[in-house]
Amino acid sequence: MALVNLEPLCARHGMELVDKDFSTQDGTQLTDRENVITKALGVLVENGIYAMTVFLMTCNKPKYGKHLLWRLAALLADRDAALLQEKQYQQWQEKDDLLELLNAMRTLTEDLPRLLLARKILEGALTFARYHCKALNRLEGKQL
């Protein structure tokens, strides 16, 4: 297995958590995104991947939580991470099958080396996303 530099992988996906494929037309402002990301990171660190998945499925910004969950799953299905099967991920996303995704995240927790790698990757991506939100807020003149 080839060595993979996790930092650019996490950075790219972290930026996409904030920017990619999500419209602000539903009223989700940048500060709302930052709050959901920060809370998801806290749940991940304190309670693990499965709890973070459930949190994102039930958070107070459901559209953004769902978007975040699918983007994090895409990160885990990325060729460089290969922690979820890309083909299965695409099938779940096409069907919008959050229960299958939830089950896959639970299954991921059963293998300790894969679990530790997945947590490291998700923590990195969420951390980059959080700081990306802060930077965008500052660039828009909203000093936090």
N, C-alpha and C. Protein backbone atom coordinates (compact mmCIF):
# COMPACT_ATOMS: atom_id res chain seq x y z
N MET A 1 0.84 -1.17 0.00
CA MET A 1 0.00 0.00 0.00
C MET A 1 0.89 1.24 0.00
N ALA A 2 0.56 2.19 -0.83
CA ALA A 2 1.33 3.42 -0.96
C ALA A 2 1.04 4.35 0.21
N LEU A 3 2.04 5.14 0.58
CA LEU A 3 1.85 6.14 1.61
C LEU A 3 1.02 7.29 1.06
N VAL A 4 0.13 7.80 1.89
CA VAL A 4 -0.74 8.91 1.48
C VAL A 4 -0.52 10.05 2.46
N ASN A 5 -0.28 11.23 1.92
CA ASN A 5 -0.18 12.43 2.74
C ASN A 5 -1.60 12.88 3.06
N LEU A 6 -1.97 12.77 4.32
CA LEU A 6 -3.35 13.07 4.71
C LEU A 6 -3.67 14.56 4.72
N GLU A 7 -2.68 15.40 4.94
CA GLU A 7 -2.96 16.83 5.06
C GLU A 7 -3.62 17.43 3.82
N PRO A 8 -3.07 17.25 2.61
CA PRO A 8 -3.77 17.83 1.45
C PRO A 8 -5.13 17.19 1.20
N LEU A 9 -5.27 15.91 1.51
CA LEU A 9 -6.56 15.23 1.36
C LEU A 9 -7.59 15.87 2.28
N CYS A 10 -7.22 16.06 3.54
CA CYS A 10 -8.12 16.68 4.53
C CYS A 10 -8.39 18.14 4.18
N ALA A 11 -7.37 18.85 3.74
CA ALA A 11 -7.53 20.27 3.40
C ALA A 11 -8.50 20.44 2.22
N ARG A 12 -8.32 19.64 1.19
CA ARG A 12 -9.20 19.73 0.01
C ARG A 12 -10.65 19.44 0.39
N HIS A 13 -10.85 18.36 1.10
CA HIS A 13 -12.21 18.00 1.49
C HIS A 13 -12.76 18.96 2.52
N GLY A 14 -11.92 19.48 3.40
CA GLY A 14 -12.37 20.47 4.37
C GLY A 14 -12.91 21.71 3.71
N MET A 15 -12.23 22.18 2.67
CA MET A 15 -12.73 23.34 1.92
C MET A 15 -14.04 23.01 1.23
N GLU A 16 -14.15 21.80 0.70
CA GLU A 16 -15.38 21.39 0.02
C GLU A 16 -16.56 21.25 0.99
N LEU A 17 -16.27 20.96 2.26
CA LEU A 17 -17.35 20.89 3.24
C LEU A 17 -18.06 22.23 3.36
N VAL A 18 -17.30 23.30 3.16
CA VAL A 18 -17.85 24.64 3.28
C VAL A 18 -18.40 25.13 1.95
N ASP A 19 -17.69 24.86 0.87
CA ASP A 19 -17.97 25.49 -0.43
C ASP A 19 -18.79 24.66 -1.39
N LYS A 20 -18.47 23.41 -1.54
CA LYS A 20 -18.93 22.64 -2.69
C LYS A 20 -20.39 22.22 -2.60
N ASP A 21 -21.10 22.39 -3.69
CA ASP A 21 -22.43 21.83 -3.89
C ASP A 21 -23.44 22.22 -2.82
N PHE A 22 -23.30 23.36 -2.22
CA PHE A 22 -24.29 23.74 -1.23
C PHE A 22 -24.68 25.19 -1.42
N SER A 23 -25.94 25.41 -1.61
CA SER A 23 -26.47 26.74 -1.85
C SER A 23 -26.85 27.39 -0.52
N THR A 24 -26.63 28.68 -0.41
CA THR A 24 -27.03 29.41 0.79
C THR A 24 -28.49 29.86 0.71
N GLN A 25 -29.20 29.46 -0.32
CA GLN A 25 -30.59 29.88 -0.51
C GLN A 25 -31.52 29.35 0.58
N ASP A 26 -31.11 28.33 1.31
CA ASP A 26 -31.98 27.82 2.37
C ASP A 26 -31.79 28.58 3.68
N GLY A 27 -30.98 29.63 3.66
CA GLY A 27 -30.79 30.45 4.83
C GLY A 27 -29.63 30.05 5.72
N THR A 28 -28.85 29.07 5.31
CA THR A 28 -27.71 28.64 6.09
C THR A 28 -26.53 29.57 5.82
N GLN A 29 -26.28 30.44 6.76
CA GLN A 29 -25.20 31.40 6.63
C GLN A 29 -23.87 30.74 6.97
N LEU A 30 -22.79 31.43 6.69
CA LEU A 30 -21.45 30.92 6.96
C LEU A 30 -21.26 30.65 8.45
N THR A 31 -21.79 31.50 9.30
CA THR A 31 -21.66 31.27 10.75
C THR A 31 -22.44 30.04 11.18
N ASP A 32 -23.59 29.78 10.53
CA ASP A 32 -24.34 28.56 10.82
C ASP A 32 -23.53 27.33 10.42
N ARG A 33 -22.88 27.41 9.28
CA ARG A 33 -22.04 26.30 8.82
C ARG A 33 -20.91 26.05 9.81
N GLU A 34 -20.28 27.14 10.24
CA GLU A 34 -19.17 27.01 11.20
C GLU A 34 -19.66 26.36 12.49
N ASN A 35 -20.84 26.75 12.96
CA ASN A 35 -21.39 26.17 14.18
C ASN A 35 -21.65 24.67 14.04
N VAL A 36 -22.24 24.27 12.93
CA VAL A 36 -22.51 22.85 12.71
C VAL A 36 -21.20 22.07 12.61
N ILE A 37 -20.23 22.62 11.89
CA ILE A 37 -18.93 21.96 11.75
C ILE A 37 -18.25 21.82 13.11
N THR A 38 -18.26 22.90 13.90
CA THR A 38 -17.63 22.87 15.22
C THR A 38 -18.30 21.84 16.13
N LYS A 39 -19.62 21.81 16.12
CA LYS A 39 -20.34 20.83 16.94
C LYS A 39 -20.07 19.40 16.46
N ALA A 40 -20.04 19.20 15.15
CA ALA A 40 -19.76 17.86 14.60
C ALA A 40 -18.35 17.41 15.01
N LEU A 41 -17.40 18.33 14.96
CA LEU A 41 -16.03 18.01 15.38
C LEU A 41 -16.01 17.64 16.86
N GLY A 42 -16.72 18.39 17.68
CA GLY A 42 -16.78 18.09 19.11
C GLY A 42 -17.39 16.72 19.38
N VAL A 43 -18.47 16.40 18.69
CA VAL A 43 -19.11 15.09 18.86
C VAL A 43 -18.16 13.99 18.40
N LEU A 44 -17.49 14.19 17.29
CA LEU A 44 -16.53 13.20 16.79
C LEU A 44 -15.43 12.94 17.82
N VAL A 45 -14.84 14.00 18.34
CA VAL A 45 -13.73 13.85 19.29
C VAL A 45 -14.20 13.20 20.59
N GLU A 46 -15.35 13.63 21.08
CA GLU A 46 -15.83 13.14 22.38
C GLU A 46 -16.51 11.78 22.32
N ASN A 47 -17.26 11.53 21.23
CA ASN A 47 -18.11 10.34 21.19
C ASN A 47 -17.89 9.41 20.01
N GLY A 48 -17.14 9.83 19.00
CA GLY A 48 -16.81 8.94 17.91
C GLY A 48 -17.58 9.17 16.62
N ILE A 49 -17.25 8.35 15.64
CA ILE A 49 -17.77 8.49 14.28
C ILE A 49 -19.28 8.24 14.21
N TYR A 50 -19.73 7.19 14.86
CA TYR A 50 -21.16 6.87 14.79
C TYR A 50 -21.99 8.00 15.40
N ALA A 51 -21.57 8.50 16.54
CA ALA A 51 -22.30 9.60 17.19
C ALA A 51 -22.30 10.85 16.32
N MET A 52 -21.17 11.14 15.68
CA MET A 52 -21.10 12.30 14.78
C MET A 52 -22.08 12.12 13.61
N THR A 53 -22.17 10.91 13.10
CA THR A 53 -23.08 10.63 11.99
C THR A 53 -24.52 10.88 12.42
N VAL A 54 -24.90 10.38 13.57
CA VAL A 54 -26.26 10.58 14.08
C VAL A 54 -26.50 12.07 14.33
N PHE A 55 -25.51 12.76 14.90
CA PHE A 55 -25.65 14.20 15.14
C PHE A 55 -25.95 14.93 13.83
N LEU A 56 -25.19 14.64 12.79
CA LEU A 56 -25.38 15.34 11.52
C LEU A 56 -26.73 15.01 10.89
N MET A 57 -27.24 13.83 11.16
CA MET A 57 -28.56 13.45 10.63
C MET A 57 -29.69 14.17 11.37
N THR A 58 -29.40 14.67 12.58
CA THR A 58 -30.46 15.23 13.41
C THR A 58 -30.19 16.66 13.87
N CYS A 59 -29.18 17.32 13.34
CA CYS A 59 -28.82 18.66 13.82
C CYS A 59 -29.88 19.69 13.43
N ASN A 60 -29.76 20.89 14.00
CA ASN A 60 -30.77 21.93 13.80
C ASN A 60 -30.71 22.59 12.42
N LYS A 61 -29.72 22.30 11.64
CA LYS A 61 -29.64 22.73 10.24
C LYS A 61 -29.62 21.47 9.37
N PRO A 62 -30.78 20.82 9.21
CA PRO A 62 -30.80 19.49 8.61
C PRO A 62 -30.25 19.41 7.19
N LYS A 63 -30.50 20.42 6.38
CA LYS A 63 -29.98 20.36 5.00
C LYS A 63 -28.45 20.43 5.00
N TYR A 64 -27.90 21.31 5.81
CA TYR A 64 -26.44 21.41 5.84
C TYR A 64 -25.84 20.20 6.55
N GLY A 65 -26.49 19.70 7.58
CA GLY A 65 -26.00 18.50 8.26
C GLY A 65 -25.92 17.32 7.31
N LYS A 66 -26.96 17.17 6.50
CA LYS A 66 -26.99 16.09 5.51
C LYS A 66 -25.90 16.30 4.46
N HIS A 67 -25.75 17.55 4.00
CA HIS A 67 -24.70 17.87 3.04
C HIS A 67 -23.33 17.51 3.63
N LEU A 68 -23.10 17.90 4.87
CA LEU A 68 -21.83 17.63 5.54
C LEU A 68 -21.59 16.13 5.65
N LEU A 69 -22.62 15.40 6.01
CA LEU A 69 -22.49 13.95 6.14
C LEU A 69 -22.11 13.30 4.82
N TRP A 70 -22.75 13.70 3.73
CA TRP A 70 -22.42 13.12 2.42
C TRP A 70 -21.01 13.50 2.00
N ARG A 71 -20.58 14.74 2.29
CA ARG A 71 -19.22 15.16 1.94
C ARG A 71 -18.18 14.40 2.76
N LEU A 72 -18.46 14.16 4.03
CA LEU A 72 -17.53 13.38 4.86
C LEU A 72 -17.46 11.93 4.37
N ALA A 73 -18.59 11.39 3.96
CA ALA A 73 -18.60 10.04 3.40
C ALA A 73 -17.80 10.00 2.10
N ALA A 74 -17.90 11.06 1.30
CA ALA A 74 -17.10 11.13 0.07
C ALA A 74 -15.61 11.12 0.40
N LEU A 75 -15.24 11.79 1.46
CA LEU A 75 -13.85 11.79 1.90
C LEU A 75 -13.41 10.38 2.27
N LEU A 76 -14.23 9.66 3.01
CA LEU A 76 -13.87 8.30 3.41
C LEU A 76 -13.88 7.34 2.22
N ALA A 77 -14.63 7.67 1.18
CA ALA A 77 -14.68 6.84 -0.03
C ALA A 77 -13.62 7.26 -1.05
N ASP A 78 -12.94 8.37 -0.80
CA ASP A 78 -11.89 8.85 -1.71
C ASP A 78 -10.85 7.75 -1.93
N ARG A 79 -10.33 7.68 -3.13
CA ARG A 79 -9.34 6.65 -3.46
C ARG A 79 -8.15 6.63 -2.50
N ASP A 80 -7.74 7.81 -2.05
CA ASP A 80 -6.58 7.88 -1.16
C ASP A 80 -6.89 7.37 0.24
N ALA A 81 -8.12 7.51 0.69
CA ALA A 81 -8.50 7.02 2.02
C ALA A 81 -9.01 5.58 1.93
N ALA A 82 -9.88 5.31 1.00
CA ALA A 82 -10.43 3.97 0.73
C ALA A 82 -10.98 3.29 1.99
N LEU A 83 -11.70 4.05 2.81
CA LEU A 83 -12.29 3.48 4.02
C LEU A 83 -13.74 3.08 3.82
N LEU A 84 -14.37 3.64 2.81
CA LEU A 84 -15.68 3.20 2.35
C LEU A 84 -15.53 2.85 0.88
N GLN A 85 -16.30 1.88 0.41
CA GLN A 85 -16.21 1.52 -0.99
C GLN A 85 -16.89 2.60 -1.83
N GLU A 86 -16.14 3.13 -2.79
CA GLU A 86 -16.63 4.24 -3.60
C GLU A 86 -17.91 3.88 -4.35
N LYS A 87 -17.96 2.67 -4.88
CA LYS A 87 -19.14 2.25 -5.64
C LYS A 87 -20.38 2.22 -4.75
N GLN A 88 -20.23 1.69 -3.55
CA GLN A 88 -21.36 1.65 -2.61
C GLN A 88 -21.76 3.06 -2.20
N TYR A 89 -20.77 3.89 -1.92
CA TYR A 89 -21.06 5.28 -1.54
C TYR A 89 -21.90 5.95 -2.63
N GLN A 90 -21.52 5.79 -3.89
CA GLN A 90 -22.25 6.41 -4.98
C GLN A 90 -23.68 5.89 -5.07
N GLN A 91 -23.87 4.59 -4.84
CA GLN A 91 -25.22 4.02 -4.85
C GLN A 91 -26.07 4.60 -3.72
N TRP A 92 -25.48 4.71 -2.53
CA TRP A 92 -26.22 5.27 -1.38
C TRP A 92 -26.60 6.72 -1.66
N GLN A 93 -25.66 7.46 -2.23
CA GLN A 93 -25.93 8.87 -2.48
C GLN A 93 -27.02 9.05 -3.54
N GLU A 94 -26.96 8.24 -4.59
CA GLU A 94 -27.99 8.31 -5.63
C GLU A 94 -29.38 8.05 -5.05
N LYS A 95 -29.46 7.10 -4.12
CA LYS A 95 -30.75 6.76 -3.49
C LYS A 95 -31.05 7.66 -2.29
N ASP A 96 -30.08 8.49 -1.91
CA ASP A 96 -30.19 9.33 -0.71
C ASP A 96 -30.48 8.45 0.50
N ASP A 97 -29.74 7.35 0.59
CA ASP A 97 -29.97 6.32 1.61
C ASP A 97 -29.08 6.57 2.83
N LEU A 98 -29.57 7.41 3.73
CA LEU A 98 -28.80 7.72 4.93
C LEU A 98 -28.69 6.54 5.89
N LEU A 99 -29.67 5.65 5.87
CA LEU A 99 -29.61 4.49 6.77
C LEU A 99 -28.47 3.55 6.37
N GLU A 100 -28.27 3.34 5.09
CA GLU A 100 -27.14 2.52 4.64
C GLU A 100 -25.81 3.18 5.01
N LEU A 101 -25.75 4.50 4.86
CA LEU A 101 -24.55 5.23 5.24
C LEU A 101 -24.31 5.11 6.74
N LEU A 102 -25.36 5.24 7.53
CA LEU A 102 -25.24 5.11 8.98
C LEU A 102 -24.73 3.72 9.34
N ASN A 103 -25.24 2.70 8.69
CA ASN A 103 -24.78 1.34 8.92
C ASN A 103 -23.32 1.16 8.53
N ALA A 104 -22.92 1.76 7.43
CA ALA A 104 -21.52 1.67 6.99
C ALA A 104 -20.59 2.35 7.99
N MET A 105 -21.03 3.48 8.54
CA MET A 105 -20.22 4.17 9.55
C MET A 105 -20.11 3.32 10.81
N ARG A 106 -21.19 2.66 11.19
CA ARG A 106 -21.15 1.77 12.35
C ARG A 106 -20.20 0.60 12.09
N THR A 107 -20.27 0.03 10.91
CA THR A 107 -19.39 -1.08 10.55
C THR A 107 -17.93 -0.65 10.56
N LEU A 108 -17.67 0.57 10.14
CA LEU A 108 -16.31 1.10 10.13
C LEU A 108 -15.71 1.10 11.53
N THR A 109 -16.55 1.28 12.55
CA THR A 109 -16.06 1.35 13.93
C THR A 109 -15.64 -0.01 14.49
N GLU A 110 -15.93 -1.09 13.77
CA GLU A 110 -15.63 -2.43 14.27
C GLU A 110 -14.19 -2.86 14.03
N ASP A 111 -13.47 -2.16 13.18
CA ASP A 111 -12.09 -2.50 12.86
C ASP A 111 -11.18 -1.38 13.37
N LEU A 112 -10.47 -1.62 14.47
CA LEU A 112 -9.74 -0.57 15.16
C LEU A 112 -8.76 0.21 14.27
N PRO A 113 -7.89 -0.41 13.47
CA PRO A 113 -6.98 0.39 12.64
C PRO A 113 -7.72 1.31 11.66
N ARG A 114 -8.78 0.78 11.04
CA ARG A 114 -9.57 1.59 10.11
C ARG A 114 -10.32 2.70 10.86
N LEU A 115 -10.81 2.38 12.04
CA LEU A 115 -11.51 3.37 12.86
C LEU A 115 -10.57 4.52 13.22
N LEU A 116 -9.37 4.21 13.67
CA LEU A 116 -8.42 5.26 14.06
C LEU A 116 -8.03 6.13 12.87
N LEU A 117 -7.83 5.50 11.72
CA LEU A 117 -7.50 6.27 10.52
C LEU A 117 -8.68 7.15 10.11
N ALA A 118 -9.87 6.60 10.14
CA ALA A 118 -11.06 7.37 9.76
C ALA A 118 -11.25 8.57 10.69
N ARG A 119 -11.08 8.37 11.98
CA ARG A 119 -11.21 9.48 12.94
C ARG A 119 -10.17 10.56 12.66
N LYS A 120 -8.95 10.16 12.40
CA LYS A 120 -7.88 11.12 12.11
C LYS A 120 -8.22 11.94 10.87
N ILE A 121 -8.69 11.28 9.84
CA ILE A 121 -9.04 11.95 8.59
C ILE A 121 -10.23 12.89 8.79
N LEU A 122 -11.27 12.42 9.46
CA LEU A 122 -12.46 13.24 9.67
C LEU A 122 -12.14 14.45 10.57
N GLU A 123 -11.35 14.24 11.61
CA GLU A 123 -10.95 15.35 12.48
C GLU A 123 -10.17 16.39 11.68
N GLY A 124 -9.26 15.92 10.83
CA GLY A 124 -8.49 16.85 10.00
C GLY A 124 -9.37 17.66 9.07
N ALA A 125 -10.28 16.99 8.38
CA ALA A 125 -11.15 17.68 7.42
C ALA A 125 -12.07 18.68 8.13
N LEU A 126 -12.65 18.28 9.26
CA LEU A 126 -13.54 19.19 9.99
C LEU A 126 -12.77 20.38 10.56
N THR A 127 -11.55 20.15 10.99
CA THR A 127 -10.72 21.25 11.50
C THR A 127 -10.40 22.23 10.38
N PHE A 128 -9.99 21.72 9.23
CA PHE A 128 -9.73 22.61 8.09
C PHE A 128 -11.00 23.36 7.69
N ALA A 129 -12.14 22.67 7.70
CA ALA A 129 -13.41 23.32 7.33
C ALA A 129 -13.75 24.44 8.31
N ARG A 130 -13.53 24.19 9.58
CA ARG A 130 -13.83 25.21 10.61
C ARG A 130 -13.00 26.46 10.37
N TYR A 131 -11.70 26.28 10.14
CA TYR A 131 -10.85 27.44 9.92
C TYR A 131 -11.10 28.10 8.57
N HIS A 132 -11.55 27.32 7.61
CA HIS A 132 -11.93 27.89 6.31
C HIS A 132 -13.13 28.82 6.50
N CYS A 133 -14.11 28.39 7.30
CA CYS A 133 -15.26 29.26 7.61
C CYS A 133 -14.79 30.54 8.29
N LYS A 134 -13.91 30.42 9.27
CA LYS A 134 -13.40 31.60 9.98
C LYS A 134 -12.71 32.56 9.01
N ALA A 135 -11.91 32.01 8.10
CA ALA A 135 -11.20 32.86 7.13
C ALA A 135 -12.18 33.55 6.19
N LEU A 136 -13.18 32.83 5.72
CA LEU A 136 -14.18 33.43 4.84
C LEU A 136 -14.96 34.52 5.56
N ASN A 137 -15.29 34.29 6.81
CA ASN A 137 -15.97 35.32 7.61
C ASN A 137 -15.11 36.59 7.72
N ARG A 138 -13.84 36.39 7.98
CA ARG A 138 -12.94 37.52 8.11
C ARG A 138 -12.82 38.26 6.78
N LEU A 139 -12.73 37.52 5.68
CA LEU A 139 -12.62 38.15 4.36
C LEU A 139 -13.88 38.93 4.01
N GLU A 140 -15.03 38.46 4.51
CA GLU A 140 -16.29 39.17 4.26
C GLU A 140 -16.49 40.32 5.23
N GLY A 141 -15.52 40.53 6.13
CA GLY A 141 -15.60 41.66 7.06
C GLY A 141 -16.36 41.38 8.32
N LYS A 142 -16.68 40.13 8.57
CA LYS A 142 -17.40 39.76 9.79
C LYS A 142 -16.38 39.26 10.80
N GLN A 143 -15.72 40.19 11.47
CA GLN A 143 -14.71 39.82 12.45
C GLN A 143 -15.35 39.02 13.57
N LEU A 144 -14.78 37.88 13.87
CA LEU A 144 -15.34 37.03 14.94
C LEU A 144 -14.50 37.13 16.18
